[in-house]
């Protein structure tokens, strides 16, 4: 199982609760990715957002910068909002990163957790499902064929045109992020694409039927069993003392939950939710190394994971605390998980 980090590039905030300019956060991100590489983590993913509370609107630019200061870690998006992107340009950008990084680039496609990109780039939300289906089809075709012949509804046809540059080995690794709908896992299985399940609430065990459904769909479409891959993306944060880091992180985390919840009509986030989330049957992995190892192994046993992605910058915690969390993950958690999985 690969162990890595997913981030959204959450901005820092001033004393009045206003997001700071993103320049400093972007510089910190590069330092954090460099440390992930140095401590031996397997992959990093960065999200795409178009809001003041997030610093990153173009994951590919961050990843290209990170490619120059890392040696082995895989570099991908988490996610690229495919529905409001041009698949041709998206492939070209990630193929370029793949060449710069000597084959370490990945693209994780999704519909996004927010909708700002749709009007920003001139798309209609009424086409939400159709946009994703068509653009995923085009992206997968570009990844397989060059030159390409393709026709759809939302962009001009491609008539025997080359899409350049090509990724190393003429293949770009593509994943799909899924929030929890059966239709999404069927689509991923139809195209033979690995799935990253975002488990950001409730009991992870509730996702087990969806994992099984994806596996059955994969078999139904007669995809290669050796290429079947699943992962989970979960909110996480690590410290030397479990209770101490949980107490320190709670104000940061709850503030972000309330910030997002205010726009979505959620009730005020409660400490009880946080504590339940940190329990064995909860969706949070926030604590010290040994308890985090146990929970990751519990999830691996439940789902048969190929990847675990720790989303550890929710709410914009300090750079120093993030660096410490990454260090603990790479030097204390990852080695113990890998050793346990060898047995």
Protein backbone atom coordinates (compact mmCIF):
# COMPACT_ATOMS: atom_id res chain seq x y z
CA UNK A 1 0.00 0.00 0.00
CA UNK A 2 1.25 3.46 -0.92
CA UNK A 3 1.17 6.16 1.75
CA UNK A 4 0.92 9.79 0.77
CA UNK A 5 -0.50 13.23 1.40
CA UNK A 6 -3.31 15.21 -0.16
CA UNK A 7 -3.66 18.95 0.37
CA UNK A 8 -5.93 21.76 -0.79
CA UNK A 9 -3.46 24.54 0.00
CA UNK A 10 -5.67 26.04 2.71
CA UNK A 11 -4.75 29.66 3.30
CA UNK A 12 -3.66 31.11 6.63
CA UNK A 13 -5.89 33.73 8.28
CA UNK A 14 -5.33 36.98 10.15
CA UNK A 15 -6.71 37.84 13.61
CA UNK A 16 -9.94 39.10 12.01
CA UNK A 17 -10.57 35.82 10.20
CA UNK A 18 -9.60 37.12 6.75
CA UNK A 19 -7.43 34.95 4.46
CA UNK A 20 -3.90 36.20 3.92
CA UNK A 21 -2.41 36.69 0.49
CA UNK A 22 -1.43 33.22 -0.80
CA UNK A 23 2.22 33.90 -1.68
CA UNK A 24 3.69 32.69 1.60
CA UNK A 25 1.46 29.62 1.67
CA UNK A 26 2.60 28.64 -1.82
CA UNK A 27 6.26 28.84 -0.79
CA UNK A 28 5.50 26.73 2.28
CA UNK A 29 3.83 24.10 0.11
CA UNK A 30 7.01 23.52 -1.88
CA UNK A 31 9.00 23.07 1.34
CA UNK A 32 6.40 20.62 2.64
CA UNK A 33 6.43 18.54 -0.56
CA UNK A 34 10.23 18.48 -0.47
CA UNK A 35 10.09 17.09 3.07
CA UNK A 36 7.55 14.44 2.04
CA UNK A 37 10.03 13.27 -0.57
CA UNK A 38 12.92 13.27 1.92
CA UNK A 39 11.05 11.19 4.54
CA UNK A 40 10.04 8.59 1.94
CA UNK A 41 6.31 9.17 1.39
CA UNK A 42 5.00 7.70 -1.84
CA UNK A 43 2.80 10.38 -3.37
CA UNK A 44 1.50 13.92 -3.04
CA UNK A 45 -1.70 15.42 -4.43
CA UNK A 46 -2.85 19.05 -4.50
CA UNK A 47 -6.39 20.28 -5.11
CA UNK A 48 -7.82 22.89 -7.47
CA UNK A 49 -10.02 25.63 -5.99
CA UNK A 50 -11.13 29.10 -6.98
CA UNK A 51 -11.94 30.57 -3.57
CA UNK A 52 -10.15 32.97 -1.20
CA UNK A 53 -9.73 30.30 1.49
CA UNK A 54 -7.48 28.18 -0.77
CA UNK A 55 -4.16 29.19 -2.30
CA UNK A 56 -4.04 26.87 -5.33
CA UNK A 57 -6.11 27.31 -8.49
CA UNK A 58 -3.63 25.56 -10.84
CA UNK A 59 -2.28 22.32 -9.36
CA UNK A 60 -0.03 21.75 -12.36
CA UNK A 61 2.03 24.87 -11.59
CA UNK A 62 2.67 23.74 -8.01
CA UNK A 63 3.54 20.25 -9.20
CA UNK A 64 5.94 21.51 -11.84
CA UNK A 65 7.74 23.53 -9.18
CA UNK A 66 7.78 20.54 -6.83
CA UNK A 67 9.20 18.31 -9.56
CA UNK A 68 12.42 20.36 -9.51
CA UNK A 69 13.04 19.90 -5.75
CA UNK A 70 12.02 16.23 -5.36
CA UNK A 71 13.51 12.95 -6.54
CA UNK A 72 11.13 10.03 -6.09
CA UNK A 73 7.70 11.05 -4.77
CA UNK A 74 4.77 10.83 -7.22
CA UNK A 75 3.17 14.20 -7.93
CA UNK A 76 -0.49 14.60 -8.80
CA UNK A 77 -3.65 16.65 -8.50
CA UNK A 78 -6.27 16.02 -5.84
CA UNK A 79 -8.31 16.90 -7.77
CA UNK A 80 -8.26 18.62 -11.14
CA UNK A 81 -11.83 19.81 -11.80
CA UNK A 82 -12.21 18.04 -15.12
CA UNK A 83 -15.72 19.30 -15.85
CA UNK A 84 -14.56 22.92 -16.18
CA UNK A 85 -11.17 22.16 -17.76
CA UNK A 86 -10.04 21.49 -21.31
CA UNK A 87 -8.87 17.85 -21.37
CA UNK A 88 -6.38 18.62 -24.16
CA UNK A 89 -4.64 21.35 -22.20
CA UNK A 90 -4.89 19.35 -18.97
CA UNK A 91 -3.17 16.35 -20.56
CA UNK A 92 -0.45 18.57 -22.04
CA UNK A 93 0.23 20.19 -18.66
CA UNK A 94 0.51 16.90 -16.80
CA UNK A 95 2.52 15.25 -19.58
CA UNK A 96 4.97 18.14 -19.23
CA UNK A 97 5.22 17.55 -15.47
CA UNK A 98 5.71 13.86 -16.19
CA UNK A 99 8.67 14.65 -18.43
CA UNK A 100 10.21 17.13 -15.98
CA UNK A 101 9.85 14.64 -13.11
CA UNK A 102 11.01 11.59 -15.10
CA UNK A 103 7.66 9.83 -15.02
CA UNK A 104 6.33 10.79 -11.59
CA UNK A 105 3.23 12.77 -12.61
CA UNK A 106 -0.37 11.69 -12.01
CA UNK A 107 -3.72 13.28 -12.74
CA UNK A 108 -6.69 12.78 -10.45
CA UNK A 109 -9.90 13.88 -12.13
CA UNK A 110 -13.04 14.88 -10.26
CA UNK A 111 -16.05 17.12 -10.36
CA UNK A 112 -14.77 19.14 -7.40
CA UNK A 113 -16.24 19.84 -3.97
CA UNK A 114 -17.17 23.43 -4.94
CA UNK A 115 -18.86 24.93 -8.00
CA UNK A 116 -17.02 28.26 -8.51
CA UNK A 117 -15.08 26.98 -11.52
CA UNK A 118 -18.22 26.37 -13.60
CA UNK A 119 -19.36 30.01 -14.06
CA UNK A 120 -15.73 31.17 -13.93
CA UNK A 121 -14.90 29.24 -17.10
CA UNK A 122 -18.28 29.69 -18.76
CA UNK A 123 -19.98 26.36 -18.02
CA UNK A 124 -23.58 25.74 -17.02
CA UNK A 125 -24.26 23.75 -13.84
CA UNK A 126 -27.22 22.16 -15.57
CA UNK A 127 -24.63 20.25 -17.62
CA UNK A 128 -22.85 18.99 -14.47
CA UNK A 129 -23.03 15.27 -15.24
CA UNK A 130 -22.77 15.50 -19.02
CA UNK A 131 -19.66 17.70 -18.84
CA UNK A 132 -17.79 15.23 -16.67
CA UNK A 133 -18.77 12.20 -18.73
CA UNK A 134 -17.75 13.79 -22.04
CA UNK A 135 -14.49 15.26 -20.76
CA UNK A 136 -13.46 12.04 -19.04
CA UNK A 137 -14.06 10.23 -22.31
CA UNK A 138 -11.87 12.70 -24.17
CA UNK A 139 -9.11 12.60 -21.54
CA UNK A 140 -8.92 8.81 -21.63
CA UNK A 141 -8.89 8.83 -25.44
CA UNK A 142 -6.02 11.34 -25.49
CA UNK A 143 -4.11 9.13 -23.07
CA UNK A 144 -4.51 6.15 -25.41
CA UNK A 145 -4.34 7.64 -28.90
CA UNK A 146 -2.16 10.11 -30.76
CA UNK A 147 -3.19 11.52 -33.16
CA UNK A 148 -6.80 11.57 -32.00
CA UNK A 149 -10.16 11.62 -33.75
CA UNK A 150 -12.95 12.68 -31.38
CA UNK A 151 -16.27 14.50 -31.40
CA UNK A 152 -18.47 15.69 -28.53
CA UNK A 153 -21.02 18.28 -27.49
CA UNK A 154 -19.10 20.81 -25.42
CA UNK A 155 -15.97 21.51 -27.46
CA UNK A 156 -14.91 21.47 -31.13
CA UNK A 157 -14.12 18.10 -32.66
CA UNK A 158 -10.56 16.80 -32.98
CA UNK A 159 -9.82 15.61 -36.49
CA UNK A 160 -6.69 13.49 -36.58
CA UNK A 161 -4.81 16.00 -34.42
CA UNK A 162 -1.72 15.40 -32.31
CA UNK A 163 -1.73 16.20 -28.60
CA UNK A 164 1.83 17.02 -27.52
CA UNK A 165 3.97 16.54 -25.57
CA UNK A 166 3.30 12.92 -24.67
CA UNK A 167 3.84 11.62 -21.16
CA UNK A 168 6.85 9.42 -20.51
CA UNK A 169 6.22 5.95 -21.95
CA UNK A 170 3.24 7.53 -23.75
CA UNK A 171 1.01 6.91 -20.73
CA UNK A 172 -0.19 9.19 -17.92
CA UNK A 173 -1.47 7.66 -14.69
CA UNK A 174 -5.05 8.85 -14.12
CA UNK A 175 -7.26 8.37 -11.05
CA UNK A 176 -10.85 9.40 -10.36
CA UNK A 177 -11.94 10.90 -7.04
CA UNK A 178 -15.34 9.70 -5.81
CA UNK A 179 -17.44 11.18 -3.02
CA UNK A 180 -19.89 8.32 -2.59
CA UNK A 181 -22.24 7.80 -5.54
CA UNK A 182 -22.71 4.42 -7.26
CA UNK A 183 -22.86 6.09 -10.69
CA UNK A 184 -19.34 7.45 -10.19
CA UNK A 185 -17.80 4.06 -9.43
CA UNK A 186 -19.54 2.48 -12.42
CA UNK A 187 -18.11 5.21 -14.65
CA UNK A 188 -14.60 4.65 -13.26
CA UNK A 189 -14.90 0.91 -13.80
CA UNK A 190 -16.15 1.41 -17.37
CA UNK A 191 -13.01 3.38 -18.21
CA UNK A 192 -10.71 1.11 -16.20
CA UNK A 193 -9.54 3.92 -13.89
CA UNK A 194 -8.50 3.55 -10.22
CA UNK A 195 -10.73 5.24 -7.62
CA UNK A 196 -9.84 7.39 -4.62
CA UNK A 197 -12.75 7.47 -2.19
CA UNK A 198 -13.02 10.69 -0.16
CA UNK A 199 -14.14 9.63 3.31
CA UNK A 200 -14.58 12.96 5.08
CA UNK A 201 -17.52 12.18 7.33
CA UNK A 202 -19.31 9.38 9.17
CA UNK A 203 -18.14 5.81 9.71
CA UNK A 204 -15.75 4.52 7.01
CA UNK A 205 -17.46 1.12 7.18
CA UNK A 206 -20.46 2.74 5.47
CA UNK A 207 -18.32 2.89 2.32
CA UNK A 208 -17.71 -0.86 2.18
CA UNK A 209 -20.71 -1.61 -0.10
CA UNK A 210 -19.43 1.05 -2.52
CA UNK A 211 -15.99 -0.59 -2.63
CA UNK A 212 -17.64 -3.93 -3.37
CA UNK A 213 -19.84 -2.37 -6.04
CA UNK A 214 -16.80 -0.87 -7.74
CA UNK A 215 -15.06 -4.25 -7.73
CA UNK A 216 -18.10 -5.95 -9.27
CA UNK A 217 -18.39 -3.21 -11.89
CA UNK A 218 -14.69 -3.64 -12.72
CA UNK A 219 -15.28 -7.34 -13.29
CA UNK A 220 -18.47 -6.65 -15.26
CA UNK A 221 -16.56 -4.49 -17.74
CA UNK A 222 -13.87 -7.19 -17.93
CA UNK A 223 -11.06 -4.87 -16.90
CA UNK A 224 -7.60 -6.24 -16.10
CA UNK A 225 -7.71 -7.56 -12.53
CA UNK A 226 -4.04 -6.67 -12.04
CA UNK A 227 -4.82 -2.99 -12.64
CA UNK A 228 -7.60 -2.76 -10.03
CA UNK A 229 -6.66 -0.09 -7.45
CA UNK A 230 -8.54 1.70 -4.68
CA UNK A 231 -7.55 4.33 -2.16
CA UNK A 232 -9.02 6.51 0.56
CA UNK A 233 -8.53 10.21 1.21
CA UNK A 234 -9.16 11.18 4.86
CA UNK A 235 -8.55 14.17 7.09
CA UNK A 236 -5.46 13.54 9.21
CA UNK A 237 -2.92 15.27 11.43
CA UNK A 238 -0.09 13.84 13.49
CA UNK A 239 1.85 14.86 16.59
CA UNK A 240 4.11 13.44 19.31
CA UNK A 241 1.29 13.43 21.89
CA UNK A 242 -2.10 12.32 20.60
CA UNK A 243 -4.36 14.26 22.96
CA UNK A 244 -2.19 17.37 22.78
CA UNK A 245 -2.14 17.54 18.99
CA UNK A 246 -5.87 16.84 18.86
CA UNK A 247 -6.57 19.71 21.26
CA UNK A 248 -4.26 22.07 19.37
CA UNK A 249 -5.70 21.19 15.98
CA UNK A 250 -9.39 21.30 16.96
CA UNK A 251 -9.81 25.12 16.75
CA UNK A 252 -8.17 25.17 13.31
CA UNK A 253 -10.22 22.26 12.02
CA UNK A 254 -13.57 23.32 13.48
CA UNK A 255 -13.18 26.88 12.19
CA UNK A 256 -12.74 25.55 8.66
CA UNK A 257 -15.72 23.20 9.03
CA UNK A 258 -17.84 26.16 10.12
CA UNK A 259 -16.45 28.37 7.37
CA UNK A 260 -17.51 25.87 4.72
CA UNK A 261 -20.66 24.90 6.59
CA UNK A 262 -21.88 28.48 6.65
CA UNK A 263 -22.17 28.47 2.85
CA UNK A 264 -23.87 25.06 2.82
CA UNK A 265 -26.32 25.37 5.69
CA UNK A 266 -24.53 22.97 8.02
CA UNK A 267 -25.07 23.21 11.80
CA UNK A 268 -22.19 24.50 13.93
CA UNK A 269 -19.38 21.95 14.21
CA UNK A 270 -19.23 20.40 17.69
CA UNK A 271 -16.34 18.98 19.71
CA UNK A 272 -18.32 15.77 20.09
CA UNK A 273 -18.25 15.29 16.30
CA UNK A 274 -14.49 15.71 16.37
CA UNK A 275 -14.05 13.19 19.19
CA UNK A 276 -16.29 10.63 17.48
CA UNK A 277 -14.40 11.20 14.25
CA UNK A 278 -11.13 10.39 16.02
CA UNK A 279 -12.47 7.09 17.36
CA UNK A 280 -11.73 3.77 15.66
CA UNK A 281 -15.01 3.91 13.74
CA UNK A 282 -14.62 7.59 12.78
CA UNK A 283 -13.37 9.40 9.69
CA UNK A 284 -10.49 11.36 11.29
CA UNK A 285 -6.93 10.15 11.84
CA UNK A 286 -5.65 12.78 14.26
CA UNK A 287 -3.22 11.74 16.96
CA UNK A 288 0.16 10.20 17.71
CA UNK A 289 2.01 7.67 15.59
CA UNK A 290 0.95 4.35 17.10
CA UNK A 291 -2.78 5.08 17.18
CA UNK A 292 -2.55 6.39 13.62
CA UNK A 293 -0.77 3.21 12.49
CA UNK A 294 -3.52 1.10 14.03
CA UNK A 295 -6.26 3.05 12.30
CA UNK A 296 -4.57 2.97 8.88
CA UNK A 297 -4.11 -0.79 9.21
CA UNK A 298 -7.75 -1.12 10.28
CA UNK A 299 -8.80 0.66 7.08
CA UNK A 300 -6.46 -1.47 4.99
CA UNK A 301 -7.96 -4.61 6.47
CA UNK A 302 -11.49 -3.33 5.82
CA UNK A 303 -11.03 -2.17 2.22
CA UNK A 304 -7.91 -3.83 0.79
CA UNK A 305 -6.36 -0.47 -0.06
CA UNK A 306 -3.65 0.28 -2.58
CA UNK A 307 -3.33 3.83 -1.28
CA UNK A 308 -3.93 5.89 1.84
CA UNK A 309 -3.97 9.68 1.41
CA UNK A 310 -3.72 11.86 4.53
CA UNK A 311 -5.35 15.25 3.97
CA UNK A 312 -3.45 17.26 6.54
CA UNK A 313 -3.82 20.99 5.83
CA UNK A 314 -7.54 21.45 6.56
CA UNK A 315 -8.05 24.93 7.97
CA UNK A 316 -4.53 26.17 7.27
CA UNK A 317 -2.50 24.95 10.28
CA UNK A 318 0.89 26.53 10.77
CA UNK A 319 3.76 25.58 8.49
CA UNK A 320 5.79 24.40 11.50
CA UNK A 321 3.03 22.05 12.67
CA UNK A 322 2.54 20.70 9.14
CA UNK A 323 6.25 20.02 8.79
CA UNK A 324 6.18 18.13 12.10
CA UNK A 325 3.11 16.15 11.01
CA UNK A 326 4.81 15.20 7.73
CA UNK A 327 7.98 14.18 9.57
CA UNK A 328 6.06 11.91 11.96
CA UNK A 329 4.07 10.41 9.09
CA UNK A 330 7.17 9.60 7.06
CA UNK A 331 9.54 8.50 9.83
CA UNK A 332 7.25 6.86 12.42
CA UNK A 333 3.92 5.95 10.84
CA UNK A 334 4.80 4.85 7.30
CA UNK A 335 7.62 2.47 8.34
CA UNK A 336 5.39 0.70 10.88
CA UNK A 337 2.51 0.36 8.43
CA UNK A 338 4.81 -1.06 5.76
CA UNK A 339 6.41 -3.49 8.20
CA UNK A 340 3.00 -4.71 9.42
CA UNK A 341 1.80 -5.29 5.86
CA UNK A 342 4.81 -7.53 5.14
CA UNK A 343 3.70 -10.04 7.77
